[in-house]
């Protein structure tokens, strides 16, 4: 198994409905990139996973994600191979937003 480092990912309510605020710890190393993908189930990521086609993320912007989806976050270098990985389920039911109709 090609083990990689882990990221702790937390998803919280964003400032606009449909947006999610993501926090990742530890912060990425200098020269590294964040890549994200929103999926129905958490992904399995190894050191050979190429995330070049995933969405680039600057580490601060809110992202669009629906309730019950998973936000998968990879820290990678310029070769786009995963160095660290983590995910969070979008679970905002305790938020102030109106429940889905």
PDB file of N, CA and C in Angstrom:
ATOM      1  N   UNK A   1       0.852  -1.201   0.000  1.00  0.00           N
ATOM      2  CA  UNK A   1       0.000   0.000   0.000  1.00  0.00           C
ATOM      3  C   UNK A   1       0.880   1.241   0.000  1.00  0.00           C
ATOM      4  N   UNK A   2       0.548   2.162  -0.868  1.00  0.00           N
ATOM      5  CA  UNK A   2       1.287   3.417  -0.938  1.00  0.00           C
ATOM      6  C   UNK A   2       0.655   4.405   0.037  1.00  0.00           C
ATOM      7  N   UNK A   3       1.150   4.409   1.255  1.00  0.00           N
ATOM      8  CA  UNK A   3       0.518   5.258   2.260  1.00  0.00           C
ATOM      9  C   UNK A   3       0.952   6.706   2.074  1.00  0.00           C
ATOM     10  N   UNK A   4       0.053   7.594   2.405  1.00  0.00           N
ATOM     11  CA  UNK A   4       0.333   9.020   2.306  1.00  0.00           C
ATOM     12  C   UNK A   4      -0.080   9.668   3.618  1.00  0.00           C
ATOM     13  N   UNK A   5       0.304  10.918   3.785  1.00  0.00           N
ATOM     14  CA  UNK A   5      -0.057  11.657   4.985  1.00  0.00           C
ATOM     15  C   UNK A   5      -1.540  11.948   5.029  1.00  0.00           C
ATOM     16  N   UNK A   6      -2.012  12.245   6.215  1.00  0.00           N
ATOM     17  CA  UNK A   6      -3.446  12.530   6.346  1.00  0.00           C
ATOM     18  C   UNK A   6      -3.676  14.004   6.622  1.00  0.00           C
ATOM     19  N   UNK A   7      -4.803  14.475   6.136  1.00  0.00           N
ATOM     20  CA  UNK A   7      -5.279  15.830   6.403  1.00  0.00           C
ATOM     21  C   UNK A   7      -6.565  15.720   7.206  1.00  0.00           C
ATOM     22  N   UNK A   8      -6.731  16.611   8.165  1.00  0.00           N
ATOM     23  CA  UNK A   8      -8.001  16.714   8.868  1.00  0.00           C
ATOM     24  C   UNK A   8      -8.810  17.800   8.183  1.00  0.00           C
ATOM     25  N   UNK A   9      -9.965  17.418   7.639  1.00  0.00           N
ATOM     26  CA  UNK A   9     -10.798  18.333   6.865  1.00  0.00           C
ATOM     27  C   UNK A   9     -12.107  18.545   7.619  1.00  0.00           C
ATOM     28  N   UNK A  10     -12.500  19.792   7.762  1.00  0.00           N
ATOM     29  CA  UNK A  10     -13.776  20.114   8.410  1.00  0.00           C
ATOM     30  C   UNK A  10     -14.600  20.978   7.474  1.00  0.00           C
ATOM     31  N   UNK A  11     -15.900  20.675   7.403  1.00  0.00           N
ATOM     32  CA  UNK A  11     -16.819  21.432   6.548  1.00  0.00           C
ATOM     33  C   UNK A  11     -17.825  22.149   7.441  1.00  0.00           C
ATOM     34  N   UNK A  12     -17.992  23.443   7.215  1.00  0.00           N
ATOM     35  CA  UNK A  12     -18.939  24.239   7.983  1.00  0.00           C
ATOM     36  C   UNK A  12     -19.781  25.064   7.020  1.00  0.00           C
ATOM     37  N   UNK A  13     -20.859  25.595   7.537  1.00  0.00           N
ATOM     38  CA  UNK A  13     -21.756  26.407   6.718  1.00  0.00           C
ATOM     39  C   UNK A  13     -21.014  27.608   6.152  1.00  0.00           C
ATOM     40  N   UNK A  14     -21.238  27.869   4.869  1.00  0.00           N
ATOM     41  CA  UNK A  14     -20.641  29.031   4.227  1.00  0.00           C
ATOM     42  C   UNK A  14     -21.492  30.271   4.440  1.00  0.00           C
ATOM     43  N   UNK A  15     -21.054  31.375   3.864  1.00  0.00           N
ATOM     44  CA  UNK A  15     -21.776  32.628   4.027  1.00  0.00           C
ATOM     45  C   UNK A  15     -22.988  32.715   3.118  1.00  0.00           C
ATOM     46  N   UNK A  16     -23.023  31.898   2.061  1.00  0.00           N
ATOM     47  CA  UNK A  16     -24.182  31.867   1.168  1.00  0.00           C
ATOM     48  C   UNK A  16     -24.727  30.456   1.122  1.00  0.00           C
ATOM     49  N   UNK A  17     -26.034  30.356   0.931  1.00  0.00           N
ATOM     50  CA  UNK A  17     -26.647  29.034   0.863  1.00  0.00           C
ATOM     51  C   UNK A  17     -26.041  28.232  -0.278  1.00  0.00           C
ATOM     52  N   UNK A  18     -25.735  26.962  -0.006  1.00  0.00           N
ATOM     53  CA  UNK A  18     -25.111  26.114  -1.000  1.00  0.00           C
ATOM     54  C   UNK A  18     -23.596  26.140  -0.938  1.00  0.00           C
ATOM     55  N   UNK A  19     -23.042  27.091  -0.177  1.00  0.00           N
ATOM     56  CA  UNK A  19     -21.593  27.173  -0.028  1.00  0.00           C
ATOM     57  C   UNK A  19     -21.158  26.511   1.266  1.00  0.00           C
ATOM     58  N   UNK A  20     -19.962  25.976   1.248  1.00  0.00           N
ATOM     59  CA  UNK A  20     -19.388  25.310   2.410  1.00  0.00           C
ATOM     60  C   UNK A  20     -18.009  25.919   2.665  1.00  0.00           C
ATOM     61  N   UNK A  21     -17.738  26.195   3.930  1.00  0.00           N
ATOM     62  CA  UNK A  21     -16.427  26.678   4.340  1.00  0.00           C
ATOM     63  C   UNK A  21     -15.600  25.480   4.781  1.00  0.00           C
ATOM     64  N   UNK A  22     -14.419  25.320   4.206  1.00  0.00           N
ATOM     65  CA  UNK A  22     -13.572  24.160   4.470  1.00  0.00           C
ATOM     66  C   UNK A  22     -12.326  24.616   5.228  1.00  0.00           C
ATOM     67  N   UNK A  23     -11.987  23.867   6.266  1.00  0.00           N
ATOM     68  CA  UNK A  23     -10.710  24.096   6.931  1.00  0.00           C
ATOM     69  C   UNK A  23      -9.913  22.799   6.885  1.00  0.00           C
ATOM     70  N   UNK A  24      -8.604  22.940   6.668  1.00  0.00           N
ATOM     71  CA  UNK A  24      -7.716  21.790   6.537  1.00  0.00           C
ATOM     72  C   UNK A  24      -6.543  21.975   7.492  1.00  0.00           C
ATOM     73  N   UNK A  25      -6.246  20.933   8.266  1.00  0.00           N
ATOM     74  CA  UNK A  25      -5.057  20.945   9.109  1.00  0.00           C
ATOM     75  C   UNK A  25      -4.303  19.640   8.916  1.00  0.00           C
ATOM     76  N   UNK A  26      -2.979  19.657   8.934  1.00  0.00           N
ATOM     77  CA  UNK A  26      -2.162  20.879   9.008  1.00  0.00           C
ATOM     78  C   UNK A  26      -2.196  21.642   7.684  1.00  0.00           C
ATOM     79  N   UNK A  27      -1.755  22.901   7.711  1.00  0.00           N
ATOM     80  CA  UNK A  27      -1.699  23.694   6.481  1.00  0.00           C
ATOM     81  C   UNK A  27      -0.693  23.087   5.515  1.00  0.00           C
ATOM     82  N   UNK A  28      -0.921  23.339   4.233  1.00  0.00           N
ATOM     83  CA  UNK A  28      -0.038  22.754   3.224  1.00  0.00           C
ATOM     84  C   UNK A  28       1.361  23.360   3.308  1.00  0.00           C
ATOM     85  N   UNK A  29       2.321  22.555   2.893  1.00  0.00           N
ATOM     86  CA  UNK A  29       3.714  23.010   2.879  1.00  0.00           C
ATOM     87  C   UNK A  29       3.923  24.007   1.746  1.00  0.00           C
ATOM     88  N   UNK A  30       4.947  24.814   1.873  1.00  0.00           N
ATOM     89  CA  UNK A  30       5.267  25.793   0.833  1.00  0.00           C
ATOM     90  C   UNK A  30       5.533  25.090  -0.488  1.00  0.00           C
ATOM     91  N   UNK A  31       4.991  25.655  -1.569  1.00  0.00           N
ATOM     92  CA  UNK A  31       5.172  25.069  -2.894  1.00  0.00           C
ATOM     93  C   UNK A  31       4.187  23.960  -3.210  1.00  0.00           C
ATOM     94  N   UNK A  32       3.378  23.575  -2.242  1.00  0.00           N
ATOM     95  CA  UNK A  32       2.389  22.534  -2.464  1.00  0.00           C
ATOM     96  C   UNK A  32       1.065  23.141  -2.929  1.00  0.00           C
ATOM     97  N   UNK A  33       0.204  22.321  -3.491  1.00  0.00           N
ATOM     98  CA  UNK A  33      -1.094  22.751  -4.001  1.00  0.00           C
ATOM     99  C   UNK A  33      -2.193  21.985  -3.288  1.00  0.00           C
ATOM    100  N   UNK A  34      -3.373  22.604  -3.213  1.00  0.00           N
ATOM    101  CA  UNK A  34      -4.576  21.880  -2.795  1.00  0.00           C
ATOM    102  C   UNK A  34      -5.401  21.575  -4.035  1.00  0.00           C
ATOM    103  N   UNK A  35      -5.923  20.365  -4.088  1.00  0.00           N
ATOM    104  CA  UNK A  35      -6.879  19.971  -5.123  1.00  0.00           C
ATOM    105  C   UNK A  35      -8.077  19.363  -4.409  1.00  0.00           C
ATOM    106  N   UNK A  36      -9.276  19.692  -4.872  1.00  0.00           N
ATOM    107  CA  UNK A  36     -10.478  19.186  -4.219  1.00  0.00           C
ATOM    108  C   UNK A  36     -11.419  18.549  -5.224  1.00  0.00           C
ATOM    109  N   UNK A  37     -12.249  17.643  -4.725  1.00  0.00           N
ATOM    110  CA  UNK A  37     -13.286  17.025  -5.538  1.00  0.00           C
ATOM    111  C   UNK A  37     -14.452  16.719  -4.618  1.00  0.00           C
ATOM    112  N   UNK A  38     -15.653  17.097  -5.064  1.00  0.00           N
ATOM    113  CA  UNK A  38     -16.879  16.815  -4.313  1.00  0.00           C
ATOM    114  C   UNK A  38     -17.512  15.560  -4.899  1.00  0.00           C
ATOM    115  N   UNK A  39     -17.795  14.573  -4.039  1.00  0.00           N
ATOM    116  CA  UNK A  39     -18.275  13.273  -4.507  1.00  0.00           C
ATOM    117  C   UNK A  39     -19.394  12.762  -3.614  1.00  0.00           C
ATOM    118  N   UNK A  40     -20.070  11.702  -4.074  1.00  0.00           N
ATOM    119  CA  UNK A  40     -21.141  11.082  -3.290  1.00  0.00           C
ATOM    120  C   UNK A  40     -20.600  10.226  -2.159  1.00  0.00           C
ATOM    121  N   UNK A  41     -19.401   9.682  -2.343  1.00  0.00           N
ATOM    122  CA  UNK A  41     -18.762   8.827  -1.336  1.00  0.00           C
ATOM    123  C   UNK A  41     -17.316   9.299  -1.187  1.00  0.00           C
ATOM    124  N   UNK A  42     -16.701   9.072  -0.028  1.00  0.00           N
ATOM    125  CA  UNK A  42     -15.293   9.448   0.093  1.00  0.00           C
ATOM    126  C   UNK A  42     -14.439   8.647  -0.892  1.00  0.00           C
ATOM    127  N   UNK A  43     -13.428   9.279  -1.428  1.00  0.00           N
ATOM    128  CA  UNK A  43     -12.554   8.621  -2.392  1.00  0.00           C
ATOM    129  C   UNK A  43     -11.426   7.888  -1.673  1.00  0.00           C
ATOM    130  N   UNK A  44     -10.850   6.914  -2.356  1.00  0.00           N
ATOM    131  CA  UNK A  44      -9.639   6.264  -1.865  1.00  0.00           C
ATOM    132  C   UNK A  44      -8.481   6.854  -2.652  1.00  0.00           C
ATOM    133  N   UNK A  45      -7.530   7.418  -1.926  1.00  0.00           N
ATOM    134  CA  UNK A  45      -6.412   8.116  -2.558  1.00  0.00           C
ATOM    135  C   UNK A  45      -5.108   7.506  -2.058  1.00  0.00           C
ATOM    136  N   UNK A  46      -4.191   7.238  -2.990  1.00  0.00           N
ATOM    137  CA  UNK A  46      -2.864   6.726  -2.637  1.00  0.00           C
ATOM    138  C   UNK A  46      -1.802   7.651  -3.228  1.00  0.00           C
ATOM    139  N   UNK A  47      -0.548   7.308  -2.987  1.00  0.00           N
ATOM    140  CA  UNK A  47       0.551   8.140  -3.485  1.00  0.00           C
ATOM    141  C   UNK A  47       0.648   8.110  -5.004  1.00  0.00           C
ATOM    142  N   UNK A  48      -0.065   7.208  -5.663  1.00  0.00           N
ATOM    143  CA  UNK A  48      -0.043   7.166  -7.125  1.00  0.00           C
ATOM    144  C   UNK A  48      -1.280   7.827  -7.739  1.00  0.00           C
ATOM    145  N   UNK A  49      -2.153   8.382  -6.899  1.00  0.00           N
ATOM    146  CA  UNK A  49      -3.346   9.060  -7.409  1.00  0.00           C
ATOM    147  C   UNK A  49      -2.948  10.398  -8.013  1.00  0.00           C
ATOM    148  N   UNK A  50      -3.271  10.590  -9.299  1.00  0.00           N
ATOM    149  CA  UNK A  50      -2.976  11.846  -9.982  1.00  0.00           C
ATOM    150  C   UNK A  50      -4.218  12.731  -9.916  1.00  0.00           C
ATOM    151  N   UNK A  51      -4.064  13.900  -9.294  1.00  0.00           N
ATOM    152  CA  UNK A  51      -5.213  14.792  -9.065  1.00  0.00           C
ATOM    153  C   UNK A  51      -5.166  16.029  -9.957  1.00  0.00           C
ATOM    154  N   UNK A  52      -4.425  15.936 -11.066  1.00  0.00           N
ATOM    155  CA  UNK A  52      -4.277  17.102 -11.952  1.00  0.00           C
ATOM    156  C   UNK A  52      -5.625  17.644 -12.418  1.00  0.00           C
ATOM    157  N   UNK A  53      -6.595  16.745 -12.659  1.00  0.00           N
ATOM    158  CA  UNK A  53      -7.886  17.180 -13.190  1.00  0.00           C
ATOM    159  C   UNK A  53      -8.878  17.559 -12.091  1.00  0.00           C
ATOM    160  N   UNK A  54      -8.477  17.422 -10.830  1.00  0.00           N
ATOM    161  CA  UNK A  54      -9.340  17.867  -9.740  1.00  0.00           C
ATOM    162  C   UNK A  54      -9.379  19.395  -9.737  1.00  0.00           C
ATOM    163  N   UNK A  55     -10.290  19.961  -8.993  1.00  0.00           N
ATOM    164  CA  UNK A  55     -10.438  21.413  -8.913  1.00  0.00           C
ATOM    165  C   UNK A  55      -9.347  22.002  -8.027  1.00  0.00           C
ATOM    166  N   UNK A  56      -8.677  23.039  -8.527  1.00  0.00           N
ATOM    167  CA  UNK A  56      -7.697  23.745  -7.696  1.00  0.00           C
ATOM    168  C   UNK A  56      -8.417  24.543  -6.623  1.00  0.00           C
ATOM    169  N   UNK A  57      -7.804  24.622  -5.454  1.00  0.00           N
ATOM    170  CA  UNK A  57      -8.408  25.352  -4.327  1.00  0.00           C
ATOM    171  C   UNK A  57      -7.307  26.107  -3.604  1.00  0.00           C
ATOM    172  N   UNK A  58      -7.595  27.353  -3.217  1.00  0.00           N
ATOM    173  CA  UNK A  58      -6.557  28.191  -2.605  1.00  0.00           C
ATOM    174  C   UNK A  58      -6.457  28.021  -1.093  1.00  0.00           C
ATOM    175  N   UNK A  59      -7.307  27.179  -0.517  1.00  0.00           N
ATOM    176  CA  UNK A  59      -7.231  26.942   0.912  1.00  0.00           C
ATOM    177  C   UNK A  59      -8.125  27.834   1.740  1.00  0.00           C
ATOM    178  N   UNK A  60      -8.773  28.828   1.096  1.00  0.00           N
ATOM    179  CA  UNK A  60      -9.623  29.746   1.854  1.00  0.00           C
ATOM    180  C   UNK A  60     -11.013  29.930   1.247  1.00  0.00           C
ATOM    181  N   UNK A  61     -11.136  29.877  -0.076  1.00  0.00           N
ATOM    182  CA  UNK A  61     -12.429  30.143  -0.700  1.00  0.00           C
ATOM    183  C   UNK A  61     -13.472  29.103  -0.287  1.00  0.00           C
ATOM    184  N   UNK A  62     -14.714  29.578  -0.131  1.00  0.00           N
ATOM    185  CA  UNK A  62     -15.813  28.650   0.082  1.00  0.00           C
ATOM    186  C   UNK A  62     -16.068  27.880  -1.214  1.00  0.00           C
ATOM    187  N   UNK A  63     -16.599  26.678  -1.071  1.00  0.00           N
ATOM    188  CA  UNK A  63     -16.875  25.868  -2.253  1.00  0.00           C
ATOM    189  C   UNK A  63     -18.350  25.494  -2.264  1.00  0.00           C
ATOM    190  N   UNK A  64     -18.848  25.144  -3.440  1.00  0.00           N
ATOM    191  CA  UNK A  64     -20.236  24.693  -3.560  1.00  0.00           C
ATOM    192  C   UNK A  64     -20.287  23.197  -3.318  1.00  0.00           C
ATOM    193  N   UNK A  65     -21.134  22.793  -2.366  1.00  0.00           N
ATOM    194  CA  UNK A  65     -21.296  21.369  -2.092  1.00  0.00           C
ATOM    195  C   UNK A  65     -22.645  21.162  -1.426  1.00  0.00           C
ATOM    196  N   UNK A  66     -23.333  20.118  -1.847  1.00  0.00           N
ATOM    197  CA  UNK A  66     -24.662  19.834  -1.311  1.00  0.00           C
ATOM    198  C   UNK A  66     -24.567  18.996  -0.040  1.00  0.00           C
ATOM    199  N   UNK A  67     -25.622  19.083   0.762  1.00  0.00           N
ATOM    200  CA  UNK A  67     -25.751  18.271   1.966  1.00  0.00           C
ATOM    201  C   UNK A  67     -25.535  16.792   1.636  1.00  0.00           C
ATOM    202  N   UNK A  68     -24.760  16.110   2.469  1.00  0.00           N
ATOM    203  CA  UNK A  68     -24.555  14.681   2.294  1.00  0.00           C
ATOM    204  C   UNK A  68     -23.435  14.307   1.336  1.00  0.00           C
ATOM    205  N   UNK A  69     -22.882  15.305   0.621  1.00  0.00           N
ATOM    206  CA  UNK A  69     -21.746  15.023  -0.261  1.00  0.00           C
ATOM    207  C   UNK A  69     -20.458  15.006   0.558  1.00  0.00           C
ATOM    208  N   UNK A  70     -19.386  14.547  -0.080  1.00  0.00           N
ATOM    209  CA  UNK A  70     -18.079  14.517   0.568  1.00  0.00           C
ATOM    210  C   UNK A  70     -17.137  15.462  -0.161  1.00  0.00           C
ATOM    211  N   UNK A  71     -16.397  16.248   0.609  1.00  0.00           N
ATOM    212  CA  UNK A  71     -15.360  17.106   0.051  1.00  0.00           C
ATOM    213  C   UNK A  71     -14.027  16.405   0.289  1.00  0.00           C
ATOM    214  N   UNK A  72     -13.403  15.970  -0.793  1.00  0.00           N
ATOM    215  CA  UNK A  72     -12.110  15.288  -0.745  1.00  0.00           C
ATOM    216  C   UNK A  72     -11.019  16.313  -1.026  1.00  0.00           C
ATOM    217  N   UNK A  73     -10.007  16.367  -0.161  1.00  0.00           N
ATOM    218  CA  UNK A  73      -8.931  17.345  -0.304  1.00  0.00           C
ATOM    219  C   UNK A  73      -7.595  16.616  -0.386  1.00  0.00           C
ATOM    220  N   UNK A  74      -6.816  16.956  -1.411  1.00  0.00           N
ATOM    221  CA  UNK A  74      -5.469  16.406  -1.578  1.00  0.00           C
ATOM    222  C   UNK A  74      -4.470  17.550  -1.549  1.00  0.00           C
ATOM    223  N   UNK A  75      -3.375  17.331  -0.835  1.00  0.00           N
ATOM    224  CA  UNK A  75      -2.211  18.203  -0.945  1.00  0.00           C
ATOM    225  C   UNK A  75      -1.233  17.507  -1.872  1.00  0.00           C
ATOM    226  N   UNK A  76      -0.787  18.231  -2.897  1.00  0.00           N
ATOM    227  CA  UNK A  76       0.114  17.622  -3.869  1.00  0.00           C
ATOM    228  C   UNK A  76       1.202  18.598  -4.261  1.00  0.00           C
ATOM    229  N   UNK A  77       2.236  18.059  -4.897  1.00  0.00           N
ATOM    230  CA  UNK A  77       3.296  18.883  -5.462  1.00  0.00           C
ATOM    231  C   UNK A  77       3.028  19.137  -6.936  1.00  0.00           C
ATOM    232  N   UNK A  78       4.035  19.632  -7.621  1.00  0.00           N
ATOM    233  CA  UNK A  78       3.861  19.996  -9.026  1.00  0.00           C
ATOM    234  C   UNK A  78       3.618  18.791  -9.933  1.00  0.00           C
ATOM    235  N   UNK A  79       3.877  17.579  -9.427  1.00  0.00           N
ATOM    236  CA  UNK A  79       3.616  16.376 -10.229  1.00  0.00           C
ATOM    237  C   UNK A  79       2.171  15.905 -10.094  1.00  0.00           C
ATOM    238  N   UNK A  80       1.388  16.592  -9.256  1.00  0.00           N
ATOM    239  CA  UNK A  80      -0.034  16.286  -9.045  1.00  0.00           C
ATOM    240  C   UNK A  80      -0.284  14.917  -8.424  1.00  0.00           C
ATOM    241  N   UNK A  81       0.738  14.314  -7.836  1.00  0.00           N
ATOM    242  CA  UNK A  81       0.530  13.054  -7.127  1.00  0.00           C
ATOM    243  C   UNK A  81       0.254  13.362  -5.657  1.00  0.00           C
ATOM    244  N   UNK A  82      -0.696  12.659  -5.083  1.00  0.00           N
ATOM    245  CA  UNK A  82      -1.159  12.966  -3.735  1.00  0.00           C
ATOM    246  C   UNK A  82      -0.064  12.730  -2.700  1.00  0.00           C
ATOM    247  N   UNK A  83       0.186  13.743  -1.875  1.00  0.00           N
ATOM    248  CA  UNK A  83       1.102  13.606  -0.738  1.00  0.00           C
ATOM    249  C   UNK A  83       0.326  13.421   0.564  1.00  0.00           C
ATOM    250  N   UNK A  84      -0.798  14.142   0.674  1.00  0.00           N
ATOM    251  CA  UNK A  84      -1.655  14.037   1.854  1.00  0.00           C
ATOM    252  C   UNK A  84      -3.100  14.069   1.382  1.00  0.00           C
ATOM    253  N   UNK A  85      -3.977  13.452   2.169  1.00  0.00           N
ATOM    254  CA  UNK A  85      -5.377  13.347   1.762  1.00  0.00           C
ATOM    255  C   UNK A  85      -6.283  13.336   2.992  1.00  0.00           C
ATOM    256  N   UNK A  86      -7.432  13.960   2.828  1.00  0.00           N
ATOM    257  CA  UNK A  86      -8.473  13.887   3.846  1.00  0.00           C
ATOM    258  C   UNK A  86      -9.798  14.257   3.225  1.00  0.00           C
ATOM    259  N   UNK A  87     -10.875  13.994   3.962  1.00  0.00           N
ATOM    260  CA  UNK A  87     -12.189  14.357   3.442  1.00  0.00           C
ATOM    261  C   UNK A  87     -13.116  14.696   4.599  1.00  0.00           C
ATOM    262  N   UNK A  88     -14.193  15.379   4.255  1.00  0.00           N
ATOM    263  CA  UNK A  88     -15.230  15.700   5.237  1.00  0.00           C
ATOM    264  C   UNK A  88     -16.582  15.525   4.581  1.00  0.00           C
ATOM    265  N   UNK A  89     -17.544  15.062   5.368  1.00  0.00           N
ATOM    266  CA  UNK A  89     -18.918  14.999   4.884  1.00  0.00           C
ATOM    267  C   UNK A  89     -19.572  16.349   5.121  1.00  0.00           C
ATOM    268  N   UNK A  90     -20.333  16.801   4.130  1.00  0.00           N
ATOM    269  CA  UNK A  90     -21.086  18.044   4.286  1.00  0.00           C
ATOM    270  C   UNK A  90     -22.337  17.714   5.093  1.00  0.00           C
ATOM    271  N   UNK A  91     -22.366  18.162   6.335  1.00  0.00           N
ATOM    272  CA  UNK A  91     -23.483  17.884   7.233  1.00  0.00           C
ATOM    273  C   UNK A  91     -23.817  19.169   7.946  1.00  0.00           C
ATOM    274  N   UNK A  92     -24.724  19.929   7.344  1.00  0.00           N
ATOM    275  CA  UNK A  92     -25.043  21.262   7.856  1.00  0.00           C
ATOM    276  C   UNK A  92     -26.429  21.296   8.492  1.00  0.00           C
ATOM    277  N   UNK A  93     -26.951  20.132   8.868  1.00  0.00           N
ATOM    278  CA  UNK A  93     -28.325  20.093   9.356  1.00  0.00           C
ATOM    279  C   UNK A  93     -28.523  20.929  10.611  1.00  0.00           C
ATOM    280  N   UNK A  94     -27.458  21.147  11.351  1.00  0.00           N
ATOM    281  CA  UNK A  94     -27.579  21.952  12.572  1.00  0.00           C
ATOM    282  C   UNK A  94     -27.426  23.436  12.297  1.00  0.00           C
ATOM    283  N   UNK A  95     -27.322  23.785  11.028  1.00  0.00           N
ATOM    284  CA  UNK A  95     -27.090  25.188  10.686  1.00  0.00           C
ATOM    285  C   UNK A  95     -28.409  25.959  10.686  1.00  0.00           C
ATOM    286  N   UNK A  96     -28.287  27.252  10.435  1.00  0.00           N
ATOM    287  CA  UNK A  96     -29.454  28.136  10.427  1.00  0.00           C
ATOM    288  C   UNK A  96     -30.227  28.081   9.120  1.00  0.00           C
ATOM    289  N   UNK A  97     -29.670  27.403   8.117  1.00  0.00           N
ATOM    290  CA  UNK A  97     -30.333  27.378   6.810  1.00  0.00           C
ATOM    291  C   UNK A  97     -31.659  26.641   6.892  1.00  0.00           C
ATOM    292  N   UNK A  98     -32.580  27.019   6.044  1.00  0.00           N
ATOM    293  CA  UNK A  98     -33.857  26.314   5.966  1.00  0.00           C
ATOM    294  C   UNK A  98     -33.617  24.890   5.510  1.00  0.00           C
ATOM    295  N   UNK A  99     -34.316  23.920   6.102  1.00  0.00           N
ATOM    296  CA  UNK A  99     -34.172  22.552   5.634  1.00  0.00           C
ATOM    297  C   UNK A  99     -34.655  22.427   4.178  1.00  0.00           C
ATOM    298  N   UNK A 100     -34.159  21.414   3.508  1.00  0.00           N
ATOM    299  CA  UNK A 100     -34.571  21.218   2.120  1.00  0.00           C
ATOM    300  C   UNK A 100     -36.079  21.003   2.062  1.00  0.00           C
ATOM    301  N   UNK A 101     -36.670  21.594   1.049  1.00  0.00           N
ATOM    302  CA  UNK A 101     -38.133  21.505   0.925  1.00  0.00           C
ATOM    303  C   UNK A 101     -38.540  20.136   0.404  1.00  0.00           C
TER     304      UNK A 101
END
